[in-house]
Amino acid sequence: MDTMGRHVIAELWGCNIDKLNDREAMENVFVNAALEAGAEVREVAFHKFAPQGVSGVVIISESHLTIHSFPEHGYASIDVYTCGDTIDPNVASDYIAKALEATEKETLELPRGMGPVQAEKSKAKAKV
């Protein structure tokens, strides 16, 4: 193992507004994303804000997936962090972008546990 983990930070634009504002739908997307990546789900907590927006976390044995949604902008900020080298966080990130019907996705992948962080954009404003 070269790193302690991999951390994917994604900016999703042009998302389905109804999904971004639906706590249950968001929870299902994130649990399914974790499972699609081969992760083991431990705990799930999502919260619906008034008048809009959802924040949530799926704790996995390998670390976590999180979201903060802004339906009024069709935007979601997501994090997928996996420890070890058996789970690819990009699989979960791609699943989420597709499920939320994002039209644009910008990602940054950070190796964790290797010393000073040197971030590289993996996809700059990619059309989904």
N, C-alpha and C. Protein backbone atom coordinates (compact mmCIF):
# COMPACT_ATOMS: atom_id res chain seq x y z
N MET A 1 0.85 -1.19 0.00
CA MET A 1 0.00 0.00 0.00
C MET A 1 0.89 1.23 0.00
N ASP A 2 0.68 2.12 -0.97
CA ASP A 2 1.46 3.35 -1.09
C ASP A 2 0.91 4.47 -0.23
N THR A 3 -0.38 4.45 0.08
CA THR A 3 -1.01 5.52 0.86
C THR A 3 -1.85 4.93 1.97
N MET A 4 -2.23 5.79 2.93
CA MET A 4 -3.18 5.38 3.96
C MET A 4 -4.59 5.35 3.39
N GLY A 5 -4.81 6.18 2.36
CA GLY A 5 -6.13 6.23 1.75
C GLY A 5 -6.16 7.17 0.57
N ARG A 6 -7.33 7.21 -0.05
CA ARG A 6 -7.57 8.09 -1.20
C ARG A 6 -8.82 8.90 -0.92
N HIS A 7 -8.75 10.19 -1.18
CA HIS A 7 -9.85 11.09 -0.87
C HIS A 7 -10.26 11.81 -2.16
N VAL A 8 -11.47 11.57 -2.61
CA VAL A 8 -12.00 12.23 -3.81
C VAL A 8 -12.99 13.30 -3.35
N ILE A 9 -12.73 14.51 -3.80
CA ILE A 9 -13.62 15.64 -3.55
C ILE A 9 -14.22 15.99 -4.90
N ALA A 10 -15.54 16.05 -4.97
CA ALA A 10 -16.19 16.31 -6.25
C ALA A 10 -17.19 17.45 -6.15
N GLU A 11 -17.17 18.28 -7.19
CA GLU A 11 -18.13 19.35 -7.38
C GLU A 11 -19.08 18.88 -8.48
N LEU A 12 -20.36 18.77 -8.17
CA LEU A 12 -21.35 18.31 -9.14
C LEU A 12 -22.30 19.44 -9.47
N TRP A 13 -22.42 19.75 -10.75
CA TRP A 13 -23.30 20.83 -11.22
C TRP A 13 -24.35 20.27 -12.17
N GLY A 14 -25.46 20.98 -12.28
CA GLY A 14 -26.53 20.57 -13.19
C GLY A 14 -27.25 19.33 -12.71
N CYS A 15 -27.27 19.13 -11.39
CA CYS A 15 -27.91 17.94 -10.80
C CYS A 15 -29.43 18.08 -10.81
N ASN A 16 -30.11 16.95 -10.69
CA ASN A 16 -31.56 16.90 -10.58
C ASN A 16 -31.97 17.57 -9.26
N ILE A 17 -32.66 18.68 -9.36
CA ILE A 17 -33.02 19.48 -8.19
C ILE A 17 -33.90 18.71 -7.22
N ASP A 18 -34.84 17.94 -7.74
CA ASP A 18 -35.73 17.17 -6.86
C ASP A 18 -34.94 16.15 -6.04
N LYS A 19 -33.99 15.48 -6.66
CA LYS A 19 -33.17 14.51 -5.93
C LYS A 19 -32.32 15.19 -4.87
N LEU A 20 -31.76 16.36 -5.21
CA LEU A 20 -30.92 17.08 -4.26
C LEU A 20 -31.68 17.51 -3.02
N ASN A 21 -32.99 17.60 -3.13
CA ASN A 21 -33.81 18.08 -2.02
C ASN A 21 -34.60 16.97 -1.33
N ASP A 22 -34.29 15.72 -1.67
CA ASP A 22 -35.02 14.57 -1.15
C ASP A 22 -34.09 13.74 -0.26
N ARG A 23 -34.29 13.82 1.05
CA ARG A 23 -33.42 13.14 2.00
C ARG A 23 -33.35 11.64 1.75
N GLU A 24 -34.48 11.02 1.56
CA GLU A 24 -34.51 9.57 1.35
C GLU A 24 -33.79 9.17 0.06
N ALA A 25 -34.03 9.92 -1.00
CA ALA A 25 -33.36 9.63 -2.28
C ALA A 25 -31.85 9.77 -2.14
N MET A 26 -31.42 10.83 -1.46
CA MET A 26 -29.98 11.05 -1.27
C MET A 26 -29.36 9.92 -0.46
N GLU A 27 -30.04 9.51 0.58
CA GLU A 27 -29.55 8.41 1.41
C GLU A 27 -29.39 7.14 0.57
N ASN A 28 -30.39 6.84 -0.24
CA ASN A 28 -30.33 5.65 -1.10
C ASN A 28 -29.18 5.73 -2.09
N VAL A 29 -28.99 6.88 -2.72
CA VAL A 29 -27.90 7.06 -3.68
C VAL A 29 -26.56 6.81 -3.00
N PHE A 30 -26.36 7.36 -1.83
CA PHE A 30 -25.06 7.24 -1.17
C PHE A 30 -24.79 5.84 -0.62
N VAL A 31 -25.80 5.20 -0.09
CA VAL A 31 -25.62 3.82 0.36
C VAL A 31 -25.31 2.92 -0.83
N ASN A 32 -26.05 3.10 -1.92
CA ASN A 32 -25.80 2.30 -3.12
C ASN A 32 -24.44 2.58 -3.73
N ALA A 33 -23.98 3.83 -3.66
CA ALA A 33 -22.64 4.18 -4.17
C ALA A 33 -21.57 3.45 -3.38
N ALA A 34 -21.73 3.42 -2.07
CA ALA A 34 -20.77 2.72 -1.21
C ALA A 34 -20.75 1.23 -1.55
N LEU A 35 -21.92 0.65 -1.69
CA LEU A 35 -22.00 -0.78 -2.01
C LEU A 35 -21.44 -1.07 -3.40
N GLU A 36 -21.72 -0.20 -4.36
CA GLU A 36 -21.21 -0.36 -5.72
C GLU A 36 -19.67 -0.39 -5.73
N ALA A 37 -19.07 0.41 -4.85
CA ALA A 37 -17.61 0.46 -4.76
C ALA A 37 -17.03 -0.72 -3.99
N GLY A 38 -17.91 -1.53 -3.38
CA GLY A 38 -17.45 -2.69 -2.63
C GLY A 38 -17.18 -2.40 -1.16
N ALA A 39 -17.66 -1.26 -0.67
CA ALA A 39 -17.44 -0.88 0.72
C ALA A 39 -18.47 -1.55 1.64
N GLU A 40 -18.14 -1.59 2.92
CA GLU A 40 -19.02 -2.14 3.94
C GLU A 40 -19.66 -1.00 4.72
N VAL A 41 -20.98 -0.81 4.57
CA VAL A 41 -21.70 0.28 5.24
C VAL A 41 -21.87 -0.03 6.72
N ARG A 42 -21.53 0.96 7.55
CA ARG A 42 -21.64 0.84 9.01
C ARG A 42 -22.77 1.68 9.58
N GLU A 43 -22.81 2.96 9.24
CA GLU A 43 -23.85 3.86 9.76
C GLU A 43 -24.23 4.87 8.69
N VAL A 44 -25.47 5.39 8.80
CA VAL A 44 -25.99 6.34 7.82
C VAL A 44 -26.73 7.44 8.57
N ALA A 45 -26.43 8.70 8.25
CA ALA A 45 -27.14 9.83 8.86
C ALA A 45 -27.31 10.93 7.81
N PHE A 46 -28.57 11.28 7.53
CA PHE A 46 -28.88 12.34 6.57
C PHE A 46 -29.88 13.30 7.21
N HIS A 47 -29.77 14.58 6.85
CA HIS A 47 -30.64 15.61 7.40
C HIS A 47 -31.17 16.49 6.28
N LYS A 48 -32.47 16.77 6.29
CA LYS A 48 -33.14 17.67 5.34
C LYS A 48 -33.26 19.03 5.99
N PHE A 49 -32.78 20.07 5.32
CA PHE A 49 -32.87 21.43 5.82
C PHE A 49 -34.12 22.11 5.29
N ALA A 50 -34.58 23.14 6.01
CA ALA A 50 -35.70 23.96 5.56
C ALA A 50 -35.14 25.33 5.17
N PRO A 51 -35.45 25.85 4.03
CA PRO A 51 -36.47 25.35 3.11
C PRO A 51 -35.94 24.31 2.12
N GLN A 52 -34.62 24.14 2.01
CA GLN A 52 -34.12 23.18 1.03
C GLN A 52 -32.71 22.74 1.37
N GLY A 53 -32.31 21.64 0.77
CA GLY A 53 -30.96 21.12 0.93
C GLY A 53 -30.90 19.90 1.84
N VAL A 54 -29.91 19.07 1.57
CA VAL A 54 -29.69 17.84 2.33
C VAL A 54 -28.19 17.72 2.61
N SER A 55 -27.86 17.31 3.81
CA SER A 55 -26.48 16.95 4.17
C SER A 55 -26.52 15.54 4.72
N GLY A 56 -25.46 14.80 4.45
CA GLY A 56 -25.46 13.44 4.97
C GLY A 56 -24.10 12.80 4.93
N VAL A 57 -24.03 11.69 5.67
CA VAL A 57 -22.80 10.91 5.73
C VAL A 57 -23.15 9.42 5.76
N VAL A 58 -22.35 8.67 5.03
CA VAL A 58 -22.40 7.21 5.12
C VAL A 58 -21.03 6.79 5.65
N ILE A 59 -21.04 6.22 6.83
CA ILE A 59 -19.80 5.72 7.42
C ILE A 59 -19.60 4.30 6.90
N ILE A 60 -18.44 4.07 6.33
CA ILE A 60 -18.11 2.74 5.83
C ILE A 60 -16.90 2.22 6.61
N SER A 61 -16.70 0.93 6.62
CA SER A 61 -15.54 0.37 7.31
C SER A 61 -14.26 1.01 6.81
N GLU A 62 -14.26 1.39 5.54
CA GLU A 62 -13.07 1.94 4.90
C GLU A 62 -12.96 3.46 5.05
N SER A 63 -13.94 4.16 5.59
CA SER A 63 -13.94 5.59 5.94
C SER A 63 -15.32 6.20 5.76
N HIS A 64 -15.55 7.06 4.72
CA HIS A 64 -16.84 7.73 4.63
C HIS A 64 -17.15 8.30 3.25
N LEU A 65 -18.45 8.60 3.06
CA LEU A 65 -18.97 9.35 1.92
C LEU A 65 -19.83 10.46 2.50
N THR A 66 -19.70 11.70 2.01
CA THR A 66 -20.52 12.80 2.51
C THR A 66 -21.06 13.65 1.36
N ILE A 67 -22.13 14.39 1.68
CA ILE A 67 -22.72 15.33 0.71
C ILE A 67 -23.30 16.53 1.44
N HIS A 68 -23.24 17.66 0.75
CA HIS A 68 -23.98 18.87 1.10
C HIS A 68 -24.60 19.31 -0.22
N SER A 69 -25.94 19.39 -0.27
CA SER A 69 -26.60 19.74 -1.52
C SER A 69 -27.19 21.15 -1.46
N PHE A 70 -27.21 21.78 -2.61
CA PHE A 70 -27.75 23.12 -2.78
C PHE A 70 -28.70 23.08 -3.97
N PRO A 71 -29.95 22.61 -3.75
CA PRO A 71 -30.88 22.44 -4.86
C PRO A 71 -31.13 23.73 -5.64
N GLU A 72 -31.11 24.85 -4.95
CA GLU A 72 -31.37 26.13 -5.62
C GLU A 72 -30.32 26.45 -6.69
N HIS A 73 -29.18 25.76 -6.64
CA HIS A 73 -28.13 25.95 -7.63
C HIS A 73 -27.87 24.69 -8.47
N GLY A 74 -28.62 23.62 -8.21
CA GLY A 74 -28.38 22.36 -8.92
C GLY A 74 -27.00 21.81 -8.62
N TYR A 75 -26.50 22.08 -7.42
CA TYR A 75 -25.11 21.80 -7.05
C TYR A 75 -25.03 20.89 -5.83
N ALA A 76 -24.03 20.01 -5.85
CA ALA A 76 -23.73 19.17 -4.69
C ALA A 76 -22.22 19.08 -4.52
N SER A 77 -21.78 19.19 -3.27
CA SER A 77 -20.37 18.96 -2.96
C SER A 77 -20.30 17.61 -2.27
N ILE A 78 -19.44 16.73 -2.78
CA ILE A 78 -19.34 15.39 -2.20
C ILE A 78 -17.89 15.06 -1.87
N ASP A 79 -17.76 14.16 -0.92
CA ASP A 79 -16.47 13.62 -0.47
C ASP A 79 -16.59 12.10 -0.47
N VAL A 80 -15.60 11.43 -0.95
CA VAL A 80 -15.52 9.98 -0.81
C VAL A 80 -14.09 9.68 -0.37
N TYR A 81 -13.95 9.18 0.84
CA TYR A 81 -12.63 8.87 1.39
C TYR A 81 -12.59 7.39 1.72
N THR A 82 -11.60 6.70 1.18
CA THR A 82 -11.44 5.27 1.46
C THR A 82 -10.03 5.00 1.94
N CYS A 83 -9.92 4.23 3.00
CA CYS A 83 -8.63 3.83 3.54
C CYS A 83 -8.20 2.53 2.87
N GLY A 84 -6.90 2.34 2.80
CA GLY A 84 -6.40 1.11 2.19
C GLY A 84 -6.42 1.20 0.68
N ASP A 85 -6.24 0.05 0.05
CA ASP A 85 -6.15 0.06 -1.42
C ASP A 85 -7.14 -0.88 -2.09
N THR A 86 -8.16 -1.32 -1.35
CA THR A 86 -9.11 -2.27 -1.94
C THR A 86 -10.35 -1.60 -2.52
N ILE A 87 -10.67 -0.37 -2.10
CA ILE A 87 -11.87 0.32 -2.56
C ILE A 87 -11.45 1.56 -3.34
N ASP A 88 -11.97 1.72 -4.57
CA ASP A 88 -11.67 2.89 -5.38
C ASP A 88 -12.75 3.95 -5.14
N PRO A 89 -12.40 5.09 -4.55
CA PRO A 89 -13.40 6.12 -4.27
C PRO A 89 -14.01 6.71 -5.54
N ASN A 90 -13.32 6.60 -6.66
CA ASN A 90 -13.86 7.12 -7.92
C ASN A 90 -15.08 6.34 -8.38
N VAL A 91 -15.15 5.07 -8.05
CA VAL A 91 -16.32 4.26 -8.41
C VAL A 91 -17.56 4.84 -7.74
N ALA A 92 -17.45 5.13 -6.45
CA ALA A 92 -18.59 5.71 -5.71
C ALA A 92 -18.89 7.12 -6.21
N SER A 93 -17.87 7.93 -6.44
CA SER A 93 -18.06 9.30 -6.92
C SER A 93 -18.76 9.32 -8.28
N ASP A 94 -18.33 8.47 -9.18
CA ASP A 94 -18.97 8.37 -10.50
C ASP A 94 -20.42 7.91 -10.40
N TYR A 95 -20.66 6.95 -9.52
CA TYR A 95 -22.03 6.45 -9.31
C TYR A 95 -22.93 7.59 -8.84
N ILE A 96 -22.45 8.38 -7.88
CA ILE A 96 -23.23 9.48 -7.33
C ILE A 96 -23.53 10.51 -8.42
N ALA A 97 -22.52 10.89 -9.19
CA ALA A 97 -22.72 11.88 -10.26
C ALA A 97 -23.78 11.42 -11.25
N LYS A 98 -23.72 10.16 -11.61
CA LYS A 98 -24.70 9.62 -12.56
C LYS A 98 -26.10 9.58 -11.94
N ALA A 99 -26.18 9.12 -10.69
CA ALA A 99 -27.49 9.01 -10.02
C ALA A 99 -28.14 10.38 -9.81
N LEU A 100 -27.33 11.41 -9.59
CA LEU A 100 -27.87 12.75 -9.38
C LEU A 100 -28.05 13.50 -10.70
N GLU A 101 -27.72 12.82 -11.81
CA GLU A 101 -27.89 13.37 -13.15
C GLU A 101 -27.07 14.64 -13.37
N ALA A 102 -25.87 14.69 -12.79
CA ALA A 102 -24.99 15.84 -12.95
C ALA A 102 -24.60 16.02 -14.41
N THR A 103 -24.58 17.25 -14.86
CA THR A 103 -24.14 17.53 -16.23
C THR A 103 -22.66 17.91 -16.26
N GLU A 104 -22.12 18.36 -15.12
CA GLU A 104 -20.70 18.68 -15.01
C GLU A 104 -20.17 18.14 -13.69
N LYS A 105 -18.93 17.65 -13.74
CA LYS A 105 -18.29 17.11 -12.54
C LYS A 105 -16.82 17.52 -12.54
N GLU A 106 -16.41 18.11 -11.45
CA GLU A 106 -15.00 18.45 -11.27
C GLU A 106 -14.51 17.70 -10.04
N THR A 107 -13.43 16.94 -10.19
CA THR A 107 -12.93 16.15 -9.07
C THR A 107 -11.48 16.46 -8.77
N LEU A 108 -11.16 16.22 -7.52
CA LEU A 108 -9.80 16.36 -7.03
C LEU A 108 -9.54 15.12 -6.19
N GLU A 109 -8.46 14.41 -6.47
CA GLU A 109 -8.12 13.23 -5.68
C GLU A 109 -6.86 13.50 -4.88
N LEU A 110 -6.95 13.25 -3.59
CA LEU A 110 -5.83 13.47 -2.68
C LEU A 110 -5.37 12.15 -2.09
N PRO A 111 -4.10 11.83 -2.21
CA PRO A 111 -3.59 10.67 -1.47
C PRO A 111 -3.47 11.08 -0.01
N ARG A 112 -3.88 10.22 0.90
CA ARG A 112 -3.84 10.56 2.32
C ARG A 112 -2.79 9.71 3.02
N GLY A 113 -2.11 10.33 3.98
CA GLY A 113 -1.14 9.61 4.80
C GLY A 113 0.23 9.48 4.20
N MET A 114 0.55 10.32 3.21
CA MET A 114 1.86 10.24 2.56
C MET A 114 2.74 11.44 2.88
N GLY A 115 2.31 12.30 3.79
CA GLY A 115 3.06 13.51 4.07
C GLY A 115 2.33 14.70 3.49
N PRO A 116 3.06 15.76 3.10
CA PRO A 116 2.42 16.96 2.57
C PRO A 116 1.51 16.64 1.38
N VAL A 117 0.33 17.23 1.39
CA VAL A 117 -0.66 16.99 0.33
C VAL A 117 -0.24 17.72 -0.93
N GLN A 118 -0.28 17.00 -2.04
CA GLN A 118 -0.04 17.58 -3.35
C GLN A 118 -1.22 17.22 -4.23
N ALA A 119 -2.17 18.14 -4.30
CA ALA A 119 -3.42 17.88 -5.01
C ALA A 119 -3.26 18.06 -6.51
N GLU A 120 -3.92 17.17 -7.25
CA GLU A 120 -3.98 17.25 -8.70
C GLU A 120 -5.42 17.08 -9.12
N LYS A 121 -5.89 17.94 -10.00
CA LYS A 121 -7.24 17.78 -10.53
C LYS A 121 -7.24 16.58 -11.44
N SER A 122 -8.22 15.69 -11.23
CA SER A 122 -8.28 14.51 -12.08
C SER A 122 -9.19 14.74 -13.27
N LYS A 123 -10.19 15.60 -13.13
CA LYS A 123 -11.09 15.90 -14.23
C LYS A 123 -11.55 17.35 -14.06
N ALA A 124 -11.10 18.24 -14.87
CA ALA A 124 -11.49 19.63 -14.76
C ALA A 124 -12.77 19.89 -15.53
N LYS A 125 -13.84 20.18 -14.82
CA LYS A 125 -15.13 20.51 -15.41
C LYS A 125 -15.52 19.56 -16.52
N ALA A 126 -15.43 18.29 -16.25
CA ALA A 126 -15.79 17.27 -17.24
C ALA A 126 -17.30 17.22 -17.42
N LYS A 127 -17.73 17.15 -18.63
CA LYS A 127 -19.14 16.94 -18.92
C LYS A 127 -19.45 15.48 -18.59
N VAL A 128 -20.56 15.28 -17.90
CA VAL A 128 -20.93 13.93 -17.49
C VAL A 128 -21.92 13.35 -18.48
